[in-house]
Amino acid sequence: MFFIAAIAGLAAGVIIWSLSSFVIAHSITLVETRHPELAGSMRMRVGVIAACSVAFVGSLILGFWLAWLISERMR
């Protein structure tokens, strides 16, 4: 049962991660449009890496939490 719950939880995590990646990409476009001097800078790259890392780890945590929650409800 935990396997089925893990699939559902990780699917939700992947959906959230995809949406957050879209938001991050849109935010990068806005920043580069408003502040062209930041395009390709180290500051921008570090910000992108940090935002993507937080989104990835957050989606994994969400996926495992949902899997645990679903498996607990199935018992």
PDB file of N, CA and C in Angstrom:
ATOM      1  N   MET A   1       0.813  -1.198   0.000  1.00  0.00           N
ATOM      2  CA  MET A   1       0.000   0.000   0.000  1.00  0.00           C
ATOM      3  C   MET A   1       0.860   1.267   0.000  1.00  0.00           C
ATOM      4  N   PHE A   2       1.997   1.177   0.682  1.00  0.00           N
ATOM      5  CA  PHE A   2       2.846   2.364   0.730  1.00  0.00           C
ATOM      6  C   PHE A   2       3.358   2.713  -0.661  1.00  0.00           C
ATOM      7  N   PHE A   3       3.554   1.704  -1.511  1.00  0.00           N
ATOM      8  CA  PHE A   3       4.046   1.950  -2.867  1.00  0.00           C
ATOM      9  C   PHE A   3       3.051   2.787  -3.666  1.00  0.00           C
ATOM     10  N   ILE A   4       1.769   2.460  -3.554  1.00  0.00           N
ATOM     11  CA  ILE A   4       0.732   3.232  -4.248  1.00  0.00           C
ATOM     12  C   ILE A   4       0.680   4.653  -3.700  1.00  0.00           C
ATOM     13  N   ALA A   5       0.782   4.779  -2.388  1.00  0.00           N
ATOM     14  CA  ALA A   5       0.779   6.106  -1.769  1.00  0.00           C
ATOM     15  C   ALA A   5       2.009   6.902  -2.194  1.00  0.00           C
ATOM     16  N   ALA A   6       3.150   6.220  -2.326  1.00  0.00           N
ATOM     17  CA  ALA A   6       4.377   6.906  -2.748  1.00  0.00           C
ATOM     18  C   ALA A   6       4.239   7.439  -4.173  1.00  0.00           C
ATOM     19  N   ILE A   7       3.609   6.670  -5.040  1.00  0.00           N
ATOM     20  CA  ILE A   7       3.400   7.132  -6.417  1.00  0.00           C
ATOM     21  C   ILE A   7       2.523   8.377  -6.431  1.00  0.00           C
ATOM     22  N   ALA A   8       1.440   8.351  -5.662  1.00  0.00           N
ATOM     23  CA  ALA A   8       0.542   9.514  -5.609  1.00  0.00           C
ATOM     24  C   ALA A   8       1.249  10.728  -5.013  1.00  0.00           C
ATOM     25  N   GLY A   9       1.997  10.515  -3.936  1.00  0.00           N
ATOM     26  CA  GLY A   9       2.704  11.620  -3.292  1.00  0.00           C
ATOM     27  C   GLY A   9       3.770  12.225  -4.180  1.00  0.00           C
ATOM     28  N   LEU A  10       4.547  11.376  -4.832  1.00  0.00           N
ATOM     29  CA  LEU A  10       5.599  11.894  -5.705  1.00  0.00           C
ATOM     30  C   LEU A  10       5.023  12.532  -6.964  1.00  0.00           C
ATOM     31  N   ALA A  11       3.882  12.045  -7.437  1.00  0.00           N
ATOM     32  CA  ALA A  11       3.228  12.690  -8.579  1.00  0.00           C
ATOM     33  C   ALA A  11       2.802  14.110  -8.209  1.00  0.00           C
ATOM     34  N   ALA A  12       2.250  14.265  -7.015  1.00  0.00           N
ATOM     35  CA  ALA A  12       1.877  15.609  -6.555  1.00  0.00           C
ATOM     36  C   ALA A  12       3.116  16.482  -6.403  1.00  0.00           C
ATOM     37  N   GLY A  13       4.204  15.909  -5.891  1.00  0.00           N
ATOM     38  CA  GLY A  13       5.450  16.655  -5.754  1.00  0.00           C
ATOM     39  C   GLY A  13       6.004  17.105  -7.094  1.00  0.00           C
ATOM     40  N   VAL A  14       5.923  16.243  -8.100  1.00  0.00           N
ATOM     41  CA  VAL A  14       6.413  16.597  -9.437  1.00  0.00           C
ATOM     42  C   VAL A  14       5.559  17.710 -10.046  1.00  0.00           C
ATOM     43  N   ILE A  15       4.255  17.650  -9.834  1.00  0.00           N
ATOM     44  CA  ILE A  15       3.379  18.703 -10.350  1.00  0.00           C
ATOM     45  C   ILE A  15       3.717  20.038  -9.701  1.00  0.00           C
ATOM     46  N   ILE A  16       3.893  20.042  -8.381  1.00  0.00           N
ATOM     47  CA  ILE A  16       4.249  21.272  -7.671  1.00  0.00           C
ATOM     48  C   ILE A  16       5.610  21.778  -8.140  1.00  0.00           C
ATOM     49  N   TRP A  17       6.563  20.869  -8.335  1.00  0.00           N
ATOM     50  CA  TRP A  17       7.894  21.260  -8.785  1.00  0.00           C
ATOM     51  C   TRP A  17       7.833  21.866 -10.188  1.00  0.00           C
ATOM     52  N   SER A  18       7.018  21.293 -11.063  1.00  0.00           N
ATOM     53  CA  SER A  18       6.872  21.838 -12.415  1.00  0.00           C
ATOM     54  C   SER A  18       6.281  23.241 -12.389  1.00  0.00           C
ATOM     55  N   LEU A  19       5.258  23.427 -11.574  1.00  0.00           N
ATOM     56  CA  LEU A  19       4.651  24.754 -11.466  1.00  0.00           C
ATOM     57  C   LEU A  19       5.628  25.770 -10.882  1.00  0.00           C
ATOM     58  N   SER A  20       6.381  25.360  -9.868  1.00  0.00           N
ATOM     59  CA  SER A  20       7.336  26.299  -9.275  1.00  0.00           C
ATOM     60  C   SER A  20       8.475  26.605 -10.240  1.00  0.00           C
ATOM     61  N   SER A  21       8.872  25.644 -11.060  1.00  0.00           N
ATOM     62  CA  SER A  21       9.902  25.905 -12.070  1.00  0.00           C
ATOM     63  C   SER A  21       9.418  26.925 -13.093  1.00  0.00           C
ATOM     64  N   PHE A  22       8.147  26.827 -13.469  1.00  0.00           N
ATOM     65  CA  PHE A  22       7.571  27.812 -14.385  1.00  0.00           C
ATOM     66  C   PHE A  22       7.581  29.200 -13.757  1.00  0.00           C
ATOM     67  N   VAL A  23       7.210  29.287 -12.486  1.00  0.00           N
ATOM     68  CA  VAL A  23       7.198  30.580 -11.788  1.00  0.00           C
ATOM     69  C   VAL A  23       8.615  31.140 -11.681  1.00  0.00           C
ATOM     70  N   ILE A  24       9.587  30.283 -11.397  1.00  0.00           N
ATOM     71  CA  ILE A  24      10.981  30.726 -11.302  1.00  0.00           C
ATOM     72  C   ILE A  24      11.458  31.249 -12.658  1.00  0.00           C
ATOM     73  N   ALA A  25      11.156  30.532 -13.731  1.00  0.00           N
ATOM     74  CA  ALA A  25      11.568  30.975 -15.071  1.00  0.00           C
ATOM     75  C   ALA A  25      10.913  32.304 -15.434  1.00  0.00           C
ATOM     76  N   HIS A  26       9.655  32.462 -15.087  1.00  0.00           N
ATOM     77  CA  HIS A  26       8.961  33.724 -15.363  1.00  0.00           C
ATOM     78  C   HIS A  26       9.573  34.866 -14.542  1.00  0.00           C
ATOM     79  N   SER A  27       9.920  34.589 -13.302  1.00  0.00           N
ATOM     80  CA  SER A  27      10.540  35.608 -12.453  1.00  0.00           C
ATOM     81  C   SER A  27      11.902  36.023 -12.997  1.00  0.00           C
ATOM     82  N   ILE A  28      12.668  35.060 -13.498  1.00  0.00           N
ATOM     83  CA  ILE A  28      13.975  35.371 -14.088  1.00  0.00           C
ATOM     84  C   ILE A  28      13.798  36.288 -15.295  1.00  0.00           C
ATOM     85  N   THR A  29      12.804  35.997 -16.122  1.00  0.00           N
ATOM     86  CA  THR A  29      12.535  36.832 -17.291  1.00  0.00           C
ATOM     87  C   THR A  29      12.179  38.251 -16.880  1.00  0.00           C
ATOM     88  N   LEU A  30      11.347  38.384 -15.851  1.00  0.00           N
ATOM     89  CA  LEU A  30      10.977  39.717 -15.374  1.00  0.00           C
ATOM     90  C   LEU A  30      12.183  40.486 -14.843  1.00  0.00           C
ATOM     91  N   VAL A  31      13.031  39.807 -14.065  1.00  0.00           N
ATOM     92  CA  VAL A  31      14.206  40.477 -13.500  1.00  0.00           C
ATOM     93  C   VAL A  31      15.158  40.894 -14.613  1.00  0.00           C
ATOM     94  N   GLU A  32      15.394  40.011 -15.586  1.00  0.00           N
ATOM     95  CA  GLU A  32      16.308  40.352 -16.676  1.00  0.00           C
ATOM     96  C   GLU A  32      15.758  41.470 -17.550  1.00  0.00           C
ATOM     97  N   THR A  33      14.433  41.570 -17.656  1.00  0.00           N
ATOM     98  CA  THR A  33      13.828  42.649 -18.435  1.00  0.00           C
ATOM     99  C   THR A  33      13.971  43.982 -17.712  1.00  0.00           C
ATOM    100  N   ARG A  34      13.737  43.971 -16.418  1.00  0.00           N
ATOM    101  CA  ARG A  34      13.782  45.219 -15.644  1.00  0.00           C
ATOM    102  C   ARG A  34      15.200  45.643 -15.288  1.00  0.00           C
ATOM    103  N   HIS A  35      16.094  44.674 -15.110  1.00  0.00           N
ATOM    104  CA  HIS A  35      17.490  44.963 -14.740  1.00  0.00           C
ATOM    105  C   HIS A  35      18.418  44.198 -15.685  1.00  0.00           C
ATOM    106  N   PRO A  36      18.651  44.728 -16.880  1.00  0.00           N
ATOM    107  CA  PRO A  36      19.478  44.002 -17.858  1.00  0.00           C
ATOM    108  C   PRO A  36      20.911  43.761 -17.389  1.00  0.00           C
ATOM    109  N   GLU A  37      21.385  44.558 -16.454  1.00  0.00           N
ATOM    110  CA  GLU A  37      22.759  44.369 -15.970  1.00  0.00           C
ATOM    111  C   GLU A  37      22.912  43.074 -15.170  1.00  0.00           C
ATOM    112  N   LEU A  38      21.806  42.503 -14.696  1.00  0.00           N
ATOM    113  CA  LEU A  38      21.870  41.256 -13.937  1.00  0.00           C
ATOM    114  C   LEU A  38      21.844  40.013 -14.821  1.00  0.00           C
ATOM    115  N   ALA A  39      21.548  40.167 -16.098  1.00  0.00           N
ATOM    116  CA  ALA A  39      21.449  39.017 -17.008  1.00  0.00           C
ATOM    117  C   ALA A  39      22.789  38.296 -17.088  1.00  0.00           C
ATOM    118  N   GLY A  40      22.813  37.038 -16.717  1.00  0.00           N
ATOM    119  CA  GLY A  40      24.025  36.230 -16.772  1.00  0.00           C
ATOM    120  C   GLY A  40      25.017  36.479 -15.658  1.00  0.00           C
ATOM    121  N   SER A  41      24.661  37.294 -14.677  1.00  0.00           N
ATOM    122  CA  SER A  41      25.602  37.589 -13.600  1.00  0.00           C
ATOM    123  C   SER A  41      25.651  36.444 -12.586  1.00  0.00           C
ATOM    124  N   MET A  42      26.696  36.446 -11.797  1.00  0.00           N
ATOM    125  CA  MET A  42      26.859  35.422 -10.768  1.00  0.00           C
ATOM    126  C   MET A  42      25.738  35.524  -9.734  1.00  0.00           C
ATOM    127  N   ARG A  43      25.335  36.730  -9.429  1.00  0.00           N
ATOM    128  CA  ARG A  43      24.260  36.943  -8.455  1.00  0.00           C
ATOM    129  C   ARG A  43      22.958  36.300  -8.935  1.00  0.00           C
ATOM    130  N   MET A  44      22.677  36.442 -10.219  1.00  0.00           N
ATOM    131  CA  MET A  44      21.468  35.845 -10.788  1.00  0.00           C
ATOM    132  C   MET A  44      21.568  34.322 -10.786  1.00  0.00           C
ATOM    133  N   ARG A  45      22.731  33.790 -11.147  1.00  0.00           N
ATOM    134  CA  ARG A  45      22.911  32.335 -11.175  1.00  0.00           C
ATOM    135  C   ARG A  45      22.753  31.722  -9.797  1.00  0.00           C
ATOM    136  N   VAL A  46      23.325  32.371  -8.788  1.00  0.00           N
ATOM    137  CA  VAL A  46      23.204  31.863  -7.417  1.00  0.00           C
ATOM    138  C   VAL A  46      21.750  31.896  -6.969  1.00  0.00           C
ATOM    139  N   GLY A  47      21.043  32.954  -7.318  1.00  0.00           N
ATOM    140  CA  GLY A  47      19.623  33.040  -6.972  1.00  0.00           C
ATOM    141  C   GLY A  47      18.799  31.952  -7.635  1.00  0.00           C
ATOM    142  N   VAL A  48      19.094  31.673  -8.890  1.00  0.00           N
ATOM    143  CA  VAL A  48      18.369  30.626  -9.613  1.00  0.00           C
ATOM    144  C   VAL A  48      18.662  29.256  -9.009  1.00  0.00           C
ATOM    145  N   ILE A  49      19.924  28.996  -8.713  1.00  0.00           N
ATOM    146  CA  ILE A  49      20.290  27.714  -8.110  1.00  0.00           C
ATOM    147  C   ILE A  49      19.617  27.546  -6.756  1.00  0.00           C
ATOM    148  N   ALA A  50      19.615  28.593  -5.957  1.00  0.00           N
ATOM    149  CA  ALA A  50      18.973  28.513  -4.643  1.00  0.00           C
ATOM    150  C   ALA A  50      17.470  28.286  -4.776  1.00  0.00           C
ATOM    151  N   ALA A  51      16.822  29.011  -5.665  1.00  0.00           N
ATOM    152  CA  ALA A  51      15.369  28.869  -5.835  1.00  0.00           C
ATOM    153  C   ALA A  51      15.007  27.484  -6.360  1.00  0.00           C
ATOM    154  N   CYS A  52      15.757  26.989  -7.331  1.00  0.00           N
ATOM    155  CA  CYS A  52      15.470  25.658  -7.874  1.00  0.00           C
ATOM    156  C   CYS A  52      15.745  24.559  -6.852  1.00  0.00           C
ATOM    157  N   SER A  53      16.787  24.729  -6.053  1.00  0.00           N
ATOM    158  CA  SER A  53      17.089  23.744  -5.016  1.00  0.00           C
ATOM    159  C   SER A  53      15.992  23.692  -3.969  1.00  0.00           C
ATOM    160  N   VAL A  54      15.527  24.851  -3.551  1.00  0.00           N
ATOM    161  CA  VAL A  54      14.441  24.899  -2.568  1.00  0.00           C
ATOM    162  C   VAL A  54      13.173  24.272  -3.147  1.00  0.00           C
ATOM    163  N   ALA A  55      12.881  24.553  -4.406  1.00  0.00           N
ATOM    164  CA  ALA A  55      11.689  23.975  -5.040  1.00  0.00           C
ATOM    165  C   ALA A  55      11.799  22.458  -5.151  1.00  0.00           C
ATOM    166  N   PHE A  56      12.977  21.959  -5.512  1.00  0.00           N
ATOM    167  CA  PHE A  56      13.169  20.516  -5.657  1.00  0.00           C
ATOM    168  C   PHE A  56      13.066  19.802  -4.316  1.00  0.00           C
ATOM    169  N   VAL A  57      13.781  20.304  -3.319  1.00  0.00           N
ATOM    170  CA  VAL A  57      13.740  19.675  -1.996  1.00  0.00           C
ATOM    171  C   VAL A  57      12.342  19.786  -1.395  1.00  0.00           C
ATOM    172  N   GLY A  58      11.704  20.923  -1.578  1.00  0.00           N
ATOM    173  CA  GLY A  58      10.341  21.092  -1.075  1.00  0.00           C
ATOM    174  C   GLY A  58       9.360  20.129  -1.713  1.00  0.00           C
ATOM    175  N   SER A  59       9.510  19.892  -3.016  1.00  0.00           N
ATOM    176  CA  SER A  59       8.607  18.952  -3.677  1.00  0.00           C
ATOM    177  C   SER A  59       8.866  17.519  -3.227  1.00  0.00           C
ATOM    178  N   LEU A  60      10.125  17.172  -2.968  1.00  0.00           N
ATOM    179  CA  LEU A  60      10.413  15.841  -2.428  1.00  0.00           C
ATOM    180  C   LEU A  60       9.816  15.671  -1.038  1.00  0.00           C
ATOM    181  N   ILE A  61       9.973  16.682  -0.201  1.00  0.00           N
ATOM    182  CA  ILE A  61       9.398  16.621   1.147  1.00  0.00           C
ATOM    183  C   ILE A  61       7.882  16.502   1.062  1.00  0.00           C
ATOM    184  N   LEU A  62       7.274  17.294   0.194  1.00  0.00           N
ATOM    185  CA  LEU A  62       5.826  17.220   0.015  1.00  0.00           C
ATOM    186  C   LEU A  62       5.402  15.840  -0.467  1.00  0.00           C
ATOM    187  N   GLY A  63       6.129  15.288  -1.410  1.00  0.00           N
ATOM    188  CA  GLY A  63       5.805  13.959  -1.926  1.00  0.00           C
ATOM    189  C   GLY A  63       5.880  12.884  -0.864  1.00  0.00           C
ATOM    190  N   PHE A  64       6.956  12.876  -0.078  1.00  0.00           N
ATOM    191  CA  PHE A  64       7.086  11.870   0.974  1.00  0.00           C
ATOM    192  C   PHE A  64       6.063  12.080   2.083  1.00  0.00           C
ATOM    193  N   TRP A  65       5.761  13.334   2.390  1.00  0.00           N
ATOM    194  CA  TRP A  65       4.755  13.604   3.412  1.00  0.00           C
ATOM    195  C   TRP A  65       3.379  13.132   2.952  1.00  0.00           C
ATOM    196  N   LEU A  66       3.036  13.424   1.699  1.00  0.00           N
ATOM    197  CA  LEU A  66       1.753  12.956   1.177  1.00  0.00           C
ATOM    198  C   LEU A  66       1.695  11.435   1.121  1.00  0.00           C
ATOM    199  N   ALA A  67       2.797  10.795   0.745  1.00  0.00           N
ATOM    200  CA  ALA A  67       2.832   9.333   0.727  1.00  0.00           C
ATOM    201  C   ALA A  67       2.610   8.773   2.127  1.00  0.00           C
ATOM    202  N   TRP A  68       3.249   9.363   3.112  1.00  0.00           N
ATOM    203  CA  TRP A  68       3.061   8.916   4.494  1.00  0.00           C
ATOM    204  C   TRP A  68       1.624   9.141   4.937  1.00  0.00           C
ATOM    205  N   LEU A  69       1.076  10.314   4.606  1.00  0.00           N
ATOM    206  CA  LEU A  69      -0.293  10.641   5.004  1.00  0.00           C
ATOM    207  C   LEU A  69      -1.303   9.687   4.365  1.00  0.00           C
ATOM    208  N   ILE A  70      -1.126   9.404   3.086  1.00  0.00           N
ATOM    209  CA  ILE A  70      -2.040   8.486   2.403  1.00  0.00           C
ATOM    210  C   ILE A  70      -1.918   7.080   2.976  1.00  0.00           C
ATOM    211  N   SER A  71      -0.688   6.629   3.226  1.00  0.00           N
ATOM    212  CA  SER A  71      -0.514   5.277   3.764  1.00  0.00           C
ATOM    213  C   SER A  71      -1.087   5.161   5.174  1.00  0.00           C
ATOM    214  N   GLU A  72      -1.019   6.220   5.957  1.00  0.00           N
ATOM    215  CA  GLU A  72      -1.620   6.197   7.296  1.00  0.00           C
ATOM    216  C   GLU A  72      -3.141   6.142   7.211  1.00  0.00           C
ATOM    217  N   ARG A  73      -3.705   6.827   6.236  1.00  0.00           N
ATOM    218  CA  ARG A  73      -5.168   6.812   6.062  1.00  0.00           C
ATOM    219  C   ARG A  73      -5.662   5.462   5.556  1.00  0.00           C
ATOM    220  N   MET A  74      -4.806   4.729   4.832  1.00  0.00           N
ATOM    221  CA  MET A  74      -5.208   3.426   4.303  1.00  0.00           C
ATOM    222  C   MET A  74      -5.253   2.354   5.384  1.00  0.00           C
ATOM    223  N   ARG A  75      -4.574   2.554   6.469  1.00  0.00           N
ATOM    224  CA  ARG A  75      -4.527   1.545   7.538  1.00  0.00           C
ATOM    225  C   ARG A  75      -5.798   1.465   8.288  1.00  0.00           C
TER     226      ARG A  75
END
